[in-house]
N, C-alpha and C. Protein backbone atom coordinates (compact mmCIF):
# COMPACT_ATOMS: atom_id res chain seq x y z
N UNK A 1 12.16 -32.74 26.46
CA UNK A 1 11.00 -33.64 25.97
C UNK A 1 9.72 -33.53 25.50
N UNK A 2 9.53 -32.83 27.11
CA UNK A 2 7.89 -32.35 27.33
C UNK A 2 7.81 -31.32 26.36
N UNK A 3 8.80 -30.20 26.84
CA UNK A 3 8.33 -29.01 26.52
C UNK A 3 8.12 -28.61 24.28
N UNK A 4 8.91 -29.85 23.86
CA UNK A 4 9.21 -29.68 22.67
C UNK A 4 7.63 -30.00 22.03
N UNK A 5 7.34 -32.13 22.79
CA UNK A 5 5.52 -32.47 22.62
C UNK A 5 4.60 -31.39 22.90
N UNK A 6 4.16 -30.03 23.60
CA UNK A 6 3.74 -29.52 24.40
C UNK A 6 4.20 -28.40 22.69
N UNK A 7 4.82 -27.96 22.62
CA UNK A 7 5.16 -27.06 21.42
C UNK A 7 4.56 -27.58 20.23
N UNK A 8 4.94 -28.95 19.43
CA UNK A 8 4.37 -29.45 18.69
C UNK A 8 2.80 -29.20 18.32
N UNK A 9 2.07 -29.87 19.95
CA UNK A 9 1.03 -29.82 19.94
C UNK A 9 0.11 -28.88 19.69
N UNK A 10 0.66 -27.31 20.77
CA UNK A 10 0.03 -25.73 20.23
C UNK A 10 0.45 -25.72 18.47
N UNK A 11 1.52 -25.42 18.02
CA UNK A 11 1.21 -25.84 16.74
C UNK A 11 0.22 -26.62 16.00
N UNK A 12 0.30 -27.66 16.64
CA UNK A 12 -1.64 -28.36 15.69
C UNK A 12 -2.29 -27.54 15.65
N UNK A 13 -2.48 -27.51 17.36
CA UNK A 13 -3.87 -26.56 17.69
C UNK A 13 -3.60 -25.56 16.84
N UNK A 14 -3.01 -24.56 16.11
CA UNK A 14 -2.73 -23.40 16.23
C UNK A 14 -3.54 -24.26 14.36
N UNK A 15 -2.83 -23.93 13.53
CA UNK A 15 -2.89 -24.70 11.88
C UNK A 15 -4.15 -25.69 12.33
N UNK A 16 -4.82 -26.19 12.74
CA UNK A 16 -5.95 -26.25 12.96
C UNK A 16 -7.41 -25.32 13.47
N UNK A 17 -6.75 -23.91 14.32
CA UNK A 17 -7.46 -22.91 14.99
C UNK A 17 -8.02 -22.04 12.98
N UNK A 18 -6.57 -21.74 12.22
CA UNK A 18 -6.08 -21.09 11.40
C UNK A 18 -7.15 -21.90 10.13
N UNK A 19 -6.99 -23.30 10.27
CA UNK A 19 -7.84 -23.59 9.60
C UNK A 19 -9.40 -23.10 9.27
N UNK A 20 -9.89 -23.57 10.32
CA UNK A 20 -11.39 -22.95 11.15
C UNK A 20 -11.91 -21.81 10.32
N UNK A 21 -10.74 -20.84 9.93
CA UNK A 21 -11.13 -19.77 9.98
C UNK A 21 -10.77 -19.25 8.74
N UNK A 22 -11.87 -19.93 7.33
CA UNK A 22 -12.14 -19.77 6.59
C UNK A 22 -13.46 -19.78 5.70
N UNK A 23 -14.35 -20.53 4.95
CA UNK A 23 -15.55 -20.31 4.35
C UNK A 23 -15.90 -21.42 4.90
N UNK A 24 -14.96 -22.09 5.58
CA UNK A 24 -16.09 -23.85 5.96
C UNK A 24 -16.18 -22.85 7.66
N UNK A 25 -15.69 -21.99 7.91
CA UNK A 25 -15.83 -21.63 9.58
C UNK A 25 -16.26 -20.47 9.74
N UNK A 26 -15.65 -19.47 10.01
CA UNK A 26 -15.96 -18.34 10.89
C UNK A 26 -15.64 -17.32 9.53
N UNK A 27 -15.81 -16.69 8.35
CA UNK A 27 -15.61 -15.45 7.47
C UNK A 27 -15.06 -15.05 7.82
N UNK A 28 -14.79 -14.18 8.96
CA UNK A 28 -14.45 -13.13 9.95
C UNK A 28 -15.03 -11.76 10.39
N UNK A 29 -14.00 -10.32 10.34
CA UNK A 29 -14.19 -9.49 10.67
C UNK A 29 -15.20 -8.22 9.34
N UNK A 30 -14.21 -9.07 7.41
CA UNK A 30 -14.50 -8.89 6.99
C UNK A 30 -15.53 -10.30 5.70
N UNK A 31 -16.56 -9.58 4.94
CA UNK A 31 -17.07 -9.88 3.89
C UNK A 31 -16.67 -10.84 3.11
N UNK A 32 -16.23 -11.56 3.30
CA UNK A 32 -15.49 -12.83 1.02
C UNK A 32 -16.61 -12.52 0.39
N UNK A 33 -15.56 -12.29 -0.76
CA UNK A 33 -15.91 -12.32 -2.02
C UNK A 33 -16.93 -13.58 -2.55
N UNK A 34 -17.62 -12.72 -3.39
CA UNK A 34 -19.03 -14.12 -3.96
C UNK A 34 -17.74 -14.86 -4.30
N UNK A 35 -17.05 -14.68 -4.85
CA UNK A 35 -15.48 -15.92 -5.01
C UNK A 35 -15.05 -17.03 -4.03
N UNK A 36 -15.14 -16.01 -2.42
CA UNK A 36 -14.55 -16.83 -1.52
C UNK A 36 -13.77 -16.50 -1.31
N UNK A 37 -13.44 -15.65 -1.33
CA UNK A 37 -11.63 -14.97 -1.80
C UNK A 37 -12.35 -13.64 -0.18
N UNK A 38 -11.59 -14.27 1.00
CA UNK A 38 -11.39 -13.51 2.22
C UNK A 38 -10.65 -12.26 2.30
N UNK A 39 -9.69 -12.33 1.64
CA UNK A 39 -9.23 -11.29 1.30
C UNK A 39 -9.33 -9.96 1.13
N UNK A 40 -8.60 -9.03 2.60
CA UNK A 40 -9.45 -7.85 2.61
C UNK A 40 -8.12 -6.18 1.36
N UNK A 41 -7.43 -7.31 0.73
CA UNK A 41 -6.19 -6.73 -0.77
C UNK A 41 -6.62 -6.79 -1.98
N UNK A 42 -7.54 -7.75 -1.63
CA UNK A 42 -7.96 -7.99 -3.47
C UNK A 42 -8.89 -6.67 -3.87
N UNK A 43 -8.97 -7.00 -5.47
CA UNK A 43 -9.67 -6.09 -6.01
C UNK A 43 -10.99 -5.97 -7.05
N UNK A 44 -11.58 -5.86 -6.52
CA UNK A 44 -13.08 -7.18 -7.40
C UNK A 44 -13.65 -5.36 -8.19
N UNK A 45 -13.72 -6.06 -8.69
CA UNK A 45 -14.29 -4.59 -9.98
C UNK A 45 -15.71 -4.03 -9.05
N UNK A 46 -16.28 -2.75 -9.70
CA UNK A 46 -17.77 -3.06 -8.97
C UNK A 46 -18.82 -3.54 -10.25
N UNK A 47 -20.06 -4.04 -9.31
CA UNK A 47 -20.52 -4.99 -10.19
C UNK A 47 -21.52 -3.93 -11.39
N UNK A 48 -21.81 -4.41 -12.60
CA UNK A 48 -22.32 -3.65 -13.70
C UNK A 48 -23.61 -3.29 -13.27
N UNK A 49 -24.16 -2.29 -13.19
CA UNK A 49 -25.90 -2.40 -13.64
C UNK A 49 -26.31 -3.63 -14.38
N UNK A 50 -28.09 -3.50 -14.27
CA UNK A 50 -28.06 -4.58 -14.74
C UNK A 50 -29.02 -3.58 -16.06
N UNK A 51 -28.86 -3.90 -17.29
CA UNK A 51 -29.53 -3.27 -18.12
C UNK A 51 -31.15 -3.30 -18.60
N UNK A 52 -31.71 -1.63 -18.69
CA UNK A 52 -32.82 -2.04 -19.10
C UNK A 52 -32.64 -1.22 -20.30
N UNK A 53 -34.25 -2.35 -20.95
CA UNK A 53 -34.22 -1.21 -22.31
C UNK A 53 -35.52 -0.59 -22.02
N UNK A 54 -35.64 0.00 -22.54
CA UNK A 54 -36.74 1.73 -21.87
C UNK A 54 -37.87 1.04 -23.85
N UNK A 55 -38.67 0.83 -22.75
CA UNK A 55 -40.18 0.62 -23.99
C UNK A 55 -40.88 2.42 -25.26
N UNK A 56 -39.78 2.51 -25.07
CA UNK A 56 -39.87 3.99 -26.15
C UNK A 56 -39.24 3.77 -27.34
N UNK A 57 -39.81 4.03 -28.58
CA UNK A 57 -40.33 3.69 -29.91
C UNK A 57 -38.89 4.87 -30.49
N UNK A 58 -37.48 4.09 -30.90
CA UNK A 58 -36.46 5.29 -31.19
C UNK A 58 -36.84 6.01 -32.34
N UNK A 59 -36.95 6.56 -32.53
CA UNK A 59 -36.90 7.61 -33.79
C UNK A 59 -35.69 8.47 -34.21
N UNK A 60 -35.27 8.27 -35.50
CA UNK A 60 -34.13 9.43 -35.69
C UNK A 60 -34.20 10.88 -35.96
N UNK A 61 -34.00 11.39 -35.28
CA UNK A 61 -34.31 12.63 -34.58
C UNK A 61 -33.04 13.57 -34.34
N UNK A 62 -32.90 14.41 -34.88
CA UNK A 62 -31.07 15.27 -34.46
C UNK A 62 -31.26 15.82 -33.36
N UNK A 63 -30.15 15.94 -32.61
CA UNK A 63 -29.95 16.53 -31.93
C UNK A 63 -30.38 17.86 -31.69
N UNK A 64 -30.61 18.30 -30.59
CA UNK A 64 -30.20 19.76 -30.08
C UNK A 64 -29.43 20.69 -30.37
N UNK A 65 -29.28 21.60 -31.13
CA UNK A 65 -28.33 22.54 -31.32
C UNK A 65 -28.16 23.12 -29.56
N UNK A 66 -26.80 23.31 -29.59
CA UNK A 66 -25.80 23.16 -27.82
C UNK A 66 -25.98 24.89 -27.71
N UNK A 67 -26.30 25.50 -27.31
CA UNK A 67 -26.36 26.61 -26.95
C UNK A 67 -24.88 27.49 -26.36
N UNK A 68 -24.16 27.84 -27.21
CA UNK A 68 -23.66 29.20 -26.94
C UNK A 68 -23.37 29.08 -25.65
N UNK A 69 -21.84 29.25 -24.87
CA UNK A 69 -21.78 30.19 -23.67
C UNK A 69 -20.86 31.02 -23.96
N UNK A 70 -21.41 32.19 -23.28
CA UNK A 70 -21.11 33.09 -23.25
C UNK A 70 -19.56 33.32 -22.46
N UNK A 71 -18.76 33.15 -23.19
CA UNK A 71 -17.43 33.53 -21.96
C UNK A 71 -16.85 35.23 -22.28
N UNK A 72 -16.67 35.45 -20.36
CA UNK A 72 -16.27 36.80 -20.58
C UNK A 72 -14.97 37.42 -21.20
N UNK A 73 -15.07 38.52 -21.79
CA UNK A 73 -14.18 39.16 -22.35
C UNK A 73 -12.68 39.50 -21.88
N UNK A 74 -11.40 38.38 -22.35
CA UNK A 74 -10.50 37.65 -22.24
C UNK A 74 -9.80 38.75 -20.91
N UNK A 75 -9.73 40.03 -21.88
CA UNK A 75 -8.37 41.53 -21.39
C UNK A 75 -9.46 41.46 -19.61
N UNK A 76 -11.15 41.24 -19.62
CA UNK A 76 -11.38 42.14 -18.70
C UNK A 76 -11.55 40.25 -17.76
N UNK A 77 -11.00 39.83 -17.60
CA UNK A 77 -10.81 38.42 -16.59
C UNK A 77 -9.62 38.55 -16.27
N UNK A 78 -8.05 39.22 -16.93
CA UNK A 78 -7.54 39.85 -16.57
C UNK A 78 -7.15 40.69 -15.85
N UNK A 79 -7.73 41.34 -16.41
CA UNK A 79 -8.31 42.79 -15.20
C UNK A 79 -9.20 42.25 -13.49
N UNK A 80 -9.77 41.92 -13.43
CA UNK A 80 -9.73 41.26 -12.76
C UNK A 80 -8.99 40.66 -11.96
N UNK A 81 -7.87 39.52 -12.61
CA UNK A 81 -7.34 39.04 -11.70
C UNK A 81 -6.51 39.71 -11.19
N UNK A 82 -6.35 41.28 -12.46
CA UNK A 82 -4.95 42.23 -11.33
C UNK A 82 -5.31 42.16 -10.32
N UNK A 83 -6.46 42.98 -10.11
CA UNK A 83 -7.88 43.18 -9.10
C UNK A 83 -7.53 43.15 -7.54
N UNK A 84 -7.32 41.09 -8.14
CA UNK A 84 -7.55 40.57 -6.94
C UNK A 84 -6.14 40.80 -6.51
N UNK A 85 -5.33 40.20 -7.54
CA UNK A 85 -4.11 40.09 -6.43
C UNK A 85 -3.19 41.24 -6.20
N UNK A 86 -3.20 42.83 -6.67
CA UNK A 86 -3.72 43.91 -5.73
C UNK A 86 -3.77 44.32 -4.06
N UNK A 87 -5.22 43.44 -4.38
CA UNK A 87 -6.29 43.34 -3.00
C UNK A 87 -5.23 42.31 -2.38
N UNK A 88 -4.97 40.83 -2.91
CA UNK A 88 -4.44 39.76 -1.97
C UNK A 88 -2.66 40.07 -2.18
N UNK A 89 -1.94 41.45 -2.07
CA UNK A 89 -0.76 42.04 -1.86
C UNK A 89 -0.36 43.37 -0.97
N UNK A 90 -1.80 43.70 -1.51
CA UNK A 90 -2.44 44.52 0.02
C UNK A 90 -2.81 44.09 1.24
N UNK A 91 -3.43 43.11 1.65
CA UNK A 91 -4.05 41.76 2.92
C UNK A 91 -2.67 41.83 3.63
N UNK A 92 -1.14 40.98 2.46
CA UNK A 92 -0.49 40.40 3.46
C UNK A 92 0.55 41.13 3.74
N UNK A 93 1.35 42.54 3.05
CA UNK A 93 1.77 43.77 3.51
C UNK A 93 0.80 43.78 4.51
N UNK A 94 0.04 43.55 4.39
CA UNK A 94 -0.77 44.46 5.65
C UNK A 94 -0.68 43.48 7.64
N UNK A 95 -0.73 42.89 7.09
CA UNK A 95 -0.98 41.47 7.52
C UNK A 95 0.63 41.04 7.66
N UNK A 96 1.51 41.10 7.88
CA UNK A 96 3.04 41.03 7.99
C UNK A 96 3.22 41.84 8.71
N UNK A 97 2.92 43.01 8.30
CA UNK A 97 3.25 44.68 10.00
C UNK A 97 2.46 44.68 10.49
N UNK A 98 1.59 43.89 10.93
CA UNK A 98 1.04 43.79 11.80
C UNK A 98 1.48 42.19 12.80
N UNK A 99 1.51 41.49 12.03
CA UNK A 99 2.53 40.54 12.72
C UNK A 99 3.75 40.86 13.48
N UNK A 100 4.53 41.14 12.90
CA UNK A 100 6.01 41.67 13.53
C UNK A 100 5.70 42.23 14.72
N UNK A 101 4.77 43.02 14.99
CA UNK A 101 4.28 44.19 15.84
C UNK A 101 3.77 43.50 16.40
N UNK A 102 3.26 42.29 16.51
CA UNK A 102 2.60 41.46 17.87
C UNK A 102 3.61 40.79 18.31
N UNK A 103 4.28 39.96 17.32
CA UNK A 103 5.20 38.77 17.85
C UNK A 103 5.68 38.83 18.85
N UNK A 104 5.72 38.53 19.94
CA UNK A 104 7.31 38.18 21.10
C UNK A 104 8.43 37.57 20.86
N UNK A 105 9.25 37.82 21.33
CA UNK A 105 10.06 37.60 21.16
C UNK A 105 10.58 36.54 22.63
N UNK A 106 11.18 35.40 23.16
CA UNK A 106 11.43 34.95 24.17
C UNK A 106 12.43 35.53 23.98
N UNK A 107 12.88 35.77 25.69
CA UNK A 107 14.71 36.08 26.06
C UNK A 107 15.29 35.39 25.58
N UNK A 108 16.72 35.01 24.77
CA UNK A 108 17.52 34.11 25.40
C UNK A 108 17.31 33.25 23.61
N UNK A 109 15.72 33.31 22.92
CA UNK A 109 15.13 32.99 21.85
C UNK A 109 16.94 32.58 20.37
N UNK A 110 16.15 32.00 19.23
CA UNK A 110 17.22 32.53 18.55
C UNK A 110 16.19 33.36 17.61
N UNK A 111 17.06 34.72 17.33
CA UNK A 111 15.47 35.63 16.77
C UNK A 111 16.57 35.50 15.09
N UNK A 112 17.27 35.10 15.16
CA UNK A 112 18.85 35.80 13.40
C UNK A 112 19.30 36.68 13.88
N UNK A 113 19.00 37.14 14.96
CA UNK A 113 20.29 38.19 15.49
C UNK A 113 21.36 38.16 16.49
N UNK A 114 21.20 36.48 17.26
CA UNK A 114 21.30 36.37 18.35
C UNK A 114 23.47 35.73 17.28
N UNK A 115 23.66 36.29 19.25
CA UNK A 115 25.44 35.83 19.03
C UNK A 115 26.05 36.20 19.94
N UNK A 116 27.33 35.82 20.08
CA UNK A 116 28.10 35.06 20.92
C UNK A 116 28.31 36.92 21.59
N UNK A 117 27.93 38.26 20.73
CA UNK A 117 28.55 39.16 21.27
C UNK A 117 27.31 40.01 22.15
N UNK A 118 26.16 39.49 21.44
CA UNK A 118 24.60 40.30 22.15
C UNK A 118 23.97 39.30 22.96
N UNK A 119 25.26 38.67 23.88
CA UNK A 119 24.28 38.31 24.50
C UNK A 119 24.71 39.09 25.94
C-alpha cells in the first residue's frame, strides 16, 4: 500500500514539474514563439520586412532596353564538350590501367576467379 501511495505522489509531482515548464515557469531551451507556443516543430512564416516608401517622385520612364547576351555557337559548344569527353575517357582508361597494376589482392580473397579447383 505504501508503494502505491509513493507512486501516486511521484506522479503528482511529475505533473506539477511538467506544468511549471511552460510560459508561466521556465520556457526551456528553445525560445517560444510570439504566440506562446514553445514547440520546436511548429513552422511559422518569416517576419515580413517593414514597408519602406522612398521620398523619390515616380516618373513614367520607359525601361532600359536589355542588352542581348551573346550565346556561343551551339556547334562550338558541342565540339568543346566532345573534346572534354575524349579527355575524360582517356584519363579514365589510364587511371583504370594504373589501378589494375597497383592493386594487391590478398591471398585467399575473393577475386572473381576463386573456385574450389583453384585452391
